[in-house]
PDB file of N, CA and C in Angstrom:
ATOM      1  N   MET A   1      -7.209  -1.593  11.471  1.00  0.00           N
ATOM      2  CA  MET A   1      -7.345  -1.558  10.043  1.00  0.00           C
ATOM      3  C   MET A   1      -8.891  -1.065   9.669  1.00  0.00           C
ATOM      4  N   LEU A   2      -9.739  -1.439  10.636  1.00  0.00           N
ATOM      5  CA  LEU A   2     -11.131  -0.896  10.296  1.00  0.00           C
ATOM      6  C   LEU A   2     -11.287   0.523  10.262  1.00  0.00           C
ATOM      7  N   GLN A   3     -10.681   1.262  11.148  1.00  0.00           N
ATOM      8  CA  GLN A   3     -10.696   2.683  11.516  1.00  0.00           C
ATOM      9  C   GLN A   3     -10.070   3.266  10.105  1.00  0.00           C
ATOM     10  N   VAL A   4      -9.111   2.740   9.610  1.00  0.00           N
ATOM     11  CA  VAL A   4      -8.315   3.200   8.500  1.00  0.00           C
ATOM     12  C   VAL A   4      -9.397   3.147   7.282  1.00  0.00           C
ATOM     13  N   LEU A   5     -10.144   1.966   7.136  1.00  0.00           N
ATOM     14  CA  LEU A   5     -11.065   1.869   6.151  1.00  0.00           C
ATOM     15  C   LEU A   5     -12.259   2.826   6.313  1.00  0.00           C
ATOM     16  N   GLU A   6     -12.837   2.989   7.514  1.00  0.00           N
ATOM     17  CA  GLU A   6     -14.006   3.854   7.772  1.00  0.00           C
ATOM     18  C   GLU A   6     -13.565   5.230   7.414  1.00  0.00           C
ATOM     19  N   CYS A   7     -12.528   5.749   7.980  1.00  0.00           N
ATOM     20  CA  CYS A   7     -12.211   7.201   7.673  1.00  0.00           C
ATOM     21  C   CYS A   7     -11.963   7.459   6.142  1.00  0.00           C
ATOM     22  N   SER A   8     -11.257   6.559   5.585  1.00  0.00           N
ATOM     23  CA  SER A   8     -10.912   6.704   4.252  1.00  0.00           C
ATOM     24  C   SER A   8     -12.197   6.511   3.397  1.00  0.00           C
ATOM     25  N   TRP A   9     -13.155   5.612   3.704  1.00  0.00           N
ATOM     26  CA  TRP A   9     -14.312   5.421   3.177  1.00  0.00           C
ATOM     27  C   TRP A   9     -15.248   6.763   3.084  1.00  0.00           C
ATOM     28  N   ASP A  10     -15.333   7.286   4.321  1.00  0.00           N
ATOM     29  CA  ASP A  10     -16.047   8.545   4.396  1.00  0.00           C
ATOM     30  C   ASP A  10     -15.599   9.664   3.508  1.00  0.00           C
ATOM     31  N   GLU A  11     -14.269   9.796   3.435  1.00  0.00           N
ATOM     32  CA  GLU A  11     -13.614  10.666   2.539  1.00  0.00           C
ATOM     33  C   GLU A  11     -13.878  10.314   1.101  1.00  0.00           C
ATOM     34  N   LEU A  12     -13.818   9.189   0.730  1.00  0.00           N
ATOM     35  CA  LEU A  12     -14.225   8.779  -0.728  1.00  0.00           C
ATOM     36  C   LEU A  12     -15.606   9.073  -0.978  1.00  0.00           C
ATOM     37  N   LEU A  13     -16.697   8.728  -0.183  1.00  0.00           N
ATOM     38  CA  LEU A  13     -17.961   9.018  -0.354  1.00  0.00           C
ATOM     39  C   LEU A  13     -18.288  10.570  -0.515  1.00  0.00           C
ATOM     40  N   TYR A  14     -17.596  11.347   0.244  1.00  0.00           N
ATOM     41  CA  TYR A  14     -17.787  12.829   0.078  1.00  0.00           C
ATOM     42  C   TYR A  14     -17.296  13.285  -1.275  1.00  0.00           C
ATOM     43  N   LYS A  15     -16.104  12.861  -1.557  1.00  0.00           N
ATOM     44  CA  LYS A  15     -15.693  13.198  -2.905  1.00  0.00           C
ATOM     45  C   LYS A  15     -16.477  12.724  -4.060  1.00  0.00           C
ATOM     46  N   VAL A  16     -16.934  11.451  -3.953  1.00  0.00           N
ATOM     47  CA  VAL A  16     -17.805  11.080  -5.158  1.00  0.00           C
ATOM     48  C   VAL A  16     -19.131  11.849  -5.120  1.00  0.00           C
ATOM     49  N   LYS A  17     -19.672  12.070  -3.915  1.00  0.00           N
ATOM     50  CA  LYS A  17     -20.901  12.811  -4.060  1.00  0.00           C
ATOM     51  C   LYS A  17     -20.779  14.252  -4.612  1.00  0.00           C
ATOM     52  N   ASN A  18     -19.578  14.793  -4.522  1.00  0.00           N
ATOM     53  CA  ASN A  18     -19.234  16.151  -4.922  1.00  0.00           C
ATOM     54  C   ASN A  18     -18.552  16.234  -6.220  1.00  0.00           C
ATOM     55  N   ALA A  19     -18.405  15.178  -6.770  1.00  0.00           N
ATOM     56  CA  ALA A  19     -17.632  15.012  -7.984  1.00  0.00           C
ATOM     57  C   ALA A  19     -18.326  15.457  -9.192  1.00  0.00           C
ATOM     58  N   GLU A  20     -17.609  16.258 -10.102  1.00  0.00           N
ATOM     59  CA  GLU A  20     -18.329  16.899 -11.309  1.00  0.00           C
ATOM     60  C   GLU A  20     -18.365  15.976 -12.482  1.00  0.00           C
ATOM     61  N   ASP A  21     -17.442  15.034 -12.530  1.00  0.00           N
ATOM     62  CA  ASP A  21     -17.429  14.100 -13.621  1.00  0.00           C
ATOM     63  C   ASP A  21     -16.760  12.777 -13.369  1.00  0.00           C
ATOM     64  N   LEU A  22     -16.709  11.902 -14.212  1.00  0.00           N
ATOM     65  CA  LEU A  22     -16.042  10.536 -13.910  1.00  0.00           C
ATOM     66  C   LEU A  22     -14.622  10.738 -13.633  1.00  0.00           C
ATOM     67  N   ASP A  23     -13.886  11.702 -14.147  1.00  0.00           N
ATOM     68  CA  ASP A  23     -12.430  11.748 -13.871  1.00  0.00           C
ATOM     69  C   ASP A  23     -12.398  12.179 -12.375  1.00  0.00           C
ATOM     70  N   HIS A  24     -13.152  13.002 -11.783  1.00  0.00           N
ATOM     71  CA  HIS A  24     -13.072  13.273 -10.393  1.00  0.00           C
ATOM     72  C   HIS A  24     -13.287  11.975  -9.566  1.00  0.00           C
ATOM     73  N   ILE A  25     -14.280  11.161 -10.025  1.00  0.00           N
ATOM     74  CA  ILE A  25     -14.518   9.986  -9.324  1.00  0.00           C
ATOM     75  C   ILE A  25     -13.342   8.986  -9.301  1.00  0.00           C
ATOM     76  N   ILE A  26     -12.871   8.865 -10.494  1.00  0.00           N
ATOM     77  CA  ILE A  26     -11.575   8.010 -10.693  1.00  0.00           C
ATOM     78  C   ILE A  26     -10.363   8.587  -9.757  1.00  0.00           C
ATOM     79  N   ALA A  27     -10.326   9.803  -9.731  1.00  0.00           N
ATOM     80  CA  ALA A  27      -9.189  10.443  -8.936  1.00  0.00           C
ATOM     81  C   ALA A  27      -9.497  10.246  -7.492  1.00  0.00           C
ATOM     82  N   ALA A  28     -10.635  10.270  -7.091  1.00  0.00           N
ATOM     83  CA  ALA A  28     -11.188  10.099  -5.735  1.00  0.00           C
ATOM     84  C   ALA A  28     -10.752   8.625  -5.270  1.00  0.00           C
ATOM     85  N   HIS A  29     -11.161   7.716  -6.131  1.00  0.00           N
ATOM     86  CA  HIS A  29     -10.798   6.343  -5.868  1.00  0.00           C
ATOM     87  C   HIS A  29      -9.469   5.982  -5.700  1.00  0.00           C
ATOM     88  N   GLN A  30      -8.675   6.608  -6.596  1.00  0.00           N
ATOM     89  CA  GLN A  30      -7.093   6.352  -6.573  1.00  0.00           C
ATOM     90  C   GLN A  30      -6.550   7.011  -5.277  1.00  0.00           C
ATOM     91  N   GLN A  31      -7.182   8.193  -4.761  1.00  0.00           N
ATOM     92  CA  GLN A  31      -6.738   8.718  -3.563  1.00  0.00           C
ATOM     93  C   GLN A  31      -7.184   7.779  -2.424  1.00  0.00           C
ATOM     94  N   PHE A  32      -8.299   7.239  -2.502  1.00  0.00           N
ATOM     95  CA  PHE A  32      -8.786   6.297  -1.427  1.00  0.00           C
ATOM     96  C   PHE A  32      -7.751   5.087  -1.348  1.00  0.00           C
ATOM     97  N   LEU A  33      -7.474   4.585  -2.534  1.00  0.00           N
ATOM     98  CA  LEU A  33      -6.552   3.424  -2.496  1.00  0.00           C
ATOM     99  C   LEU A  33      -5.161   3.725  -1.923  1.00  0.00           C
ATOM    100  N   ASP A  34      -4.681   4.886  -2.371  1.00  0.00           N
ATOM    101  CA  ASP A  34      -3.404   5.400  -1.739  1.00  0.00           C
ATOM    102  C   ASP A  34      -3.408   5.577  -0.406  1.00  0.00           C
ATOM    103  N   ALA A  35      -4.570   6.158   0.180  1.00  0.00           N
ATOM    104  CA  ALA A  35      -4.698   6.478   1.717  1.00  0.00           C
ATOM    105  C   ALA A  35      -4.781   5.136   2.470  1.00  0.00           C
ATOM    106  N   ILE A  36      -5.410   4.109   2.040  1.00  0.00           N
ATOM    107  CA  ILE A  36      -5.687   2.962   2.854  1.00  0.00           C
ATOM    108  C   ILE A  36      -4.301   2.209   2.785  1.00  0.00           C
ATOM    109  N   THR A  37      -3.596   2.313   1.696  1.00  0.00           N
ATOM    110  CA  THR A  37      -2.408   1.535   1.602  1.00  0.00           C
ATOM    111  C   THR A  37      -1.263   2.262   2.526  1.00  0.00           C
ATOM    112  N   ALA A  38      -1.191   3.623   2.563  1.00  0.00           N
ATOM    113  CA  ALA A  38      -0.467   4.335   3.439  1.00  0.00           C
ATOM    114  C   ALA A  38      -0.737   4.144   4.848  1.00  0.00           C
ATOM    115  N   ARG A  39      -1.970   4.330   5.174  1.00  0.00           N
ATOM    116  CA  ARG A  39      -2.412   4.260   6.557  1.00  0.00           C
ATOM    117  C   ARG A  39      -2.319   2.867   7.081  1.00  0.00           C
ATOM    118  N   SER A  40      -2.208   1.878   6.276  1.00  0.00           N
ATOM    119  CA  SER A  40      -2.095   0.434   6.741  1.00  0.00           C
ATOM    120  C   SER A  40      -0.659   0.037   6.785  1.00  0.00           C
ATOM    121  N   LEU A  41       0.237   1.109   6.606  1.00  0.00           N
ATOM    122  CA  LEU A  41       1.707   0.908   6.622  1.00  0.00           C
ATOM    123  C   LEU A  41       2.208  -0.174   5.613  1.00  0.00           C
ATOM    124  N   LEU A  42       1.453  -0.094   4.470  1.00  0.00           N
ATOM    125  CA  LEU A  42       1.954  -0.913   3.408  1.00  0.00           C
ATOM    126  C   LEU A  42       2.531  -0.278   2.208  1.00  0.00           C
ATOM    127  N   ASP A  43       2.706   0.983   2.283  1.00  0.00           N
ATOM    128  CA  ASP A  43       3.188   1.795   1.218  1.00  0.00           C
ATOM    129  C   ASP A  43       4.765   1.559   1.332  1.00  0.00           C
ATOM    130  N   PRO A  44       5.482   1.998   0.141  1.00  0.00           N
ATOM    131  CA  PRO A  44       7.048   1.708   0.138  1.00  0.00           C
ATOM    132  C   PRO A  44       7.753   2.433   1.146  1.00  0.00           C
ATOM    133  N   GLN A  45       7.122   3.614   1.697  1.00  0.00           N
ATOM    134  CA  GLN A  45       8.035   4.460   2.562  1.00  0.00           C
ATOM    135  C   GLN A  45       7.756   3.897   4.115  1.00  0.00           C
ATOM    136  N   SER A  46       6.885   2.950   4.309  1.00  0.00           N
ATOM    137  CA  SER A  46       6.717   2.608   5.724  1.00  0.00           C
ATOM    138  C   SER A  46       7.676   1.635   6.233  1.00  0.00           C
ATOM    139  N   HIS A  47       7.830   1.629   7.464  1.00  0.00           N
ATOM    140  CA  HIS A  47       8.886   0.756   8.076  1.00  0.00           C
ATOM    141  C   HIS A  47       8.470  -0.713   7.967  1.00  0.00           C
ATOM    142  N   VAL A  48       7.218  -0.943   7.971  1.00  0.00           N
ATOM    143  CA  VAL A  48       6.577  -2.406   7.869  1.00  0.00           C
ATOM    144  C   VAL A  48       6.885  -2.935   6.542  1.00  0.00           C
ATOM    145  N   SER A  49       6.804  -1.992   5.441  1.00  0.00           N
ATOM    146  CA  SER A  49       7.051  -2.572   4.193  1.00  0.00           C
ATOM    147  C   SER A  49       8.597  -2.689   3.894  1.00  0.00           C
ATOM    148  N   HIS A  50       9.470  -1.885   4.494  1.00  0.00           N
ATOM    149  CA  HIS A  50      10.897  -1.950   4.348  1.00  0.00           C
ATOM    150  C   HIS A  50      11.321  -3.377   5.098  1.00  0.00           C
ATOM    151  N   LEU A  51      10.728  -3.625   6.225  1.00  0.00           N
ATOM    152  CA  LEU A  51      10.995  -5.015   6.890  1.00  0.00           C
ATOM    153  C   LEU A  51      10.538  -6.127   6.079  1.00  0.00           C
ATOM    154  N   HIS A  52       9.465  -6.057   5.383  1.00  0.00           N
ATOM    155  CA  HIS A  52       9.048  -7.108   4.608  1.00  0.00           C
ATOM    156  C   HIS A  52       9.861  -7.345   3.340  1.00  0.00           C
ATOM    157  N   ARG A  53      10.429  -6.257   2.790  1.00  0.00           N
ATOM    158  CA  ARG A  53      11.075  -6.520   1.586  1.00  0.00           C
ATOM    159  C   ARG A  53      12.505  -6.943   1.948  1.00  0.00           C
ATOM    160  N   ARG A  54      12.987  -6.597   3.269  1.00  0.00           N
ATOM    161  CA  ARG A  54      14.361  -7.259   3.772  1.00  0.00           C
ATOM    162  C   ARG A  54      14.236  -8.726   3.813  1.00  0.00           C
ATOM    163  N   ARG A  55      12.978  -9.032   4.408  1.00  0.00           N
ATOM    164  CA  ARG A  55      12.878 -10.534   4.684  1.00  0.00           C
ATOM    165  C   ARG A  55      12.733 -11.267   3.418  1.00  0.00           C
ATOM    166  N   CYS A  56      12.163 -10.785   2.447  1.00  0.00           N
ATOM    167  CA  CYS A  56      11.964 -11.304   1.131  1.00  0.00           C
ATOM    168  C   CYS A  56      13.296 -11.571   0.462  1.00  0.00           C
ATOM    169  N   ARG A  57      14.318 -10.482   0.495  1.00  0.00           N
ATOM    170  CA  ARG A  57      15.573 -10.647  -0.030  1.00  0.00           C
ATOM    171  C   ARG A  57      16.295 -11.793   0.734  1.00  0.00           C
ATOM    172  N   ARG A  58      16.150 -11.733   1.940  1.00  0.00           N
ATOM    173  CA  ARG A  58      16.871 -12.916   2.795  1.00  0.00           C
ATOM    174  C   ARG A  58      16.310 -14.195   2.389  1.00  0.00           C
ATOM    175  N   CYS A  59      14.929 -14.379   2.142  1.00  0.00           N
ATOM    176  CA  CYS A  59      14.394 -15.635   1.856  1.00  0.00           C
ATOM    177  C   CYS A  59      14.993 -16.025   0.443  1.00  0.00           C
ATOM    178  N   ARG A  60      15.089 -15.144  -0.523  1.00  0.00           N
ATOM    179  CA  ARG A  60      15.615 -15.492  -1.821  1.00  0.00           C
ATOM    180  C   ARG A  60      17.194 -15.836  -1.691  1.00  0.00           C
ATOM    181  N   TYR A  61      17.754 -15.102  -0.774  1.00  0.00           N
ATOM    182  CA  TYR A  61      19.237 -15.422  -0.684  1.00  0.00           C
ATOM    183  C   TYR A  61      19.370 -16.791  -0.236  1.00  0.00           C
ATOM    184  N   LEU A  62      18.637 -17.199   0.920  1.00  0.00           N
ATOM    185  CA  LEU A  62      18.592 -18.594   1.493  1.00  0.00           C
ATOM    186  C   LEU A  62      18.250 -19.640   0.603  1.00  0.00           C
ATOM    187  N   SER A  63      17.447 -19.429  -0.365  1.00  0.00           N
ATOM    188  CA  SER A  63      16.843 -20.373  -1.191  1.00  0.00           C
ATOM    189  C   SER A  63      17.771 -20.681  -2.400  1.00  0.00           C
ATOM    190  N   ARG A  64      18.786 -19.972  -2.527  1.00  0.00           N
ATOM    191  CA  ARG A  64      19.887 -20.283  -3.529  1.00  0.00           C
ATOM    192  C   ARG A  64      20.642 -21.441  -3.207  1.00  0.00           C
ATOM    193  N   PRO A  65      21.200 -22.035  -4.052  1.00  0.00           N
ATOM    194  CA  PRO A  65      22.242 -23.139  -3.773  1.00  0.00           C
ATOM    195  C   PRO A  65      23.391 -22.487  -3.110  1.00  0.00           C
ATOM    196  N   PRO A  66      23.922 -23.164  -2.062  1.00  0.00           N
ATOM    197  CA  PRO A  66      25.242 -22.678  -1.426  1.00  0.00           C
ATOM    198  C   PRO A  66      26.306 -22.131  -2.142  1.00  0.00           C
ATOM    199  N   SER A  67      26.636 -22.683  -3.232  1.00  0.00           N
ATOM    200  CA  SER A  67      27.699 -22.297  -4.106  1.00  0.00           C
ATOM    201  C   SER A  67      27.470 -20.658  -4.566  1.00  0.00           C
ATOM    202  N   GLN A  68      26.149 -20.339  -4.660  1.00  0.00           N
ATOM    203  CA  GLN A  68      25.861 -18.884  -5.100  1.00  0.00           C
ATOM    204  C   GLN A  68      25.763 -17.992  -3.960  1.00  0.00           C
ATOM    205  N   ASN A  69      25.884 -18.261  -2.721  1.00  0.00           N
ATOM    206  CA  ASN A  69      25.854 -17.602  -1.582  1.00  0.00           C
ATOM    207  C   ASN A  69      27.225 -17.218  -0.982  1.00  0.00           C
ATOM    208  N   LEU A  70      28.253 -17.433  -1.740  1.00  0.00           N
ATOM    209  CA  LEU A  70      29.559 -17.187  -1.215  1.00  0.00           C
ATOM    210  C   LEU A  70      30.073 -15.743  -1.355  1.00  0.00           C
ATOM    211  N   HIS A  71      29.544 -14.932  -2.126  1.00  0.00           N
ATOM    212  CA  HIS A  71      29.953 -13.706  -2.249  1.00  0.00           C
ATOM    213  C   HIS A  71      29.412 -12.545  -1.293  1.00  0.00           C
TER     214      HIS A  71
END
């Protein structure tokens, strides 16, 4: 995780230093957030995120009353 943050942080600093206006800084920050999310395997396309969603659905299913779990 630290490597993900370090590399992404360096990219963000470079983009902020070379930004022409506030819109470029905002875009650079959004790209930074997207990058650390994806590189940390937490984006919707990642396998880890998929497994987490499956577990959440399973927990919701098991937390319902038994009469609702028959279908």
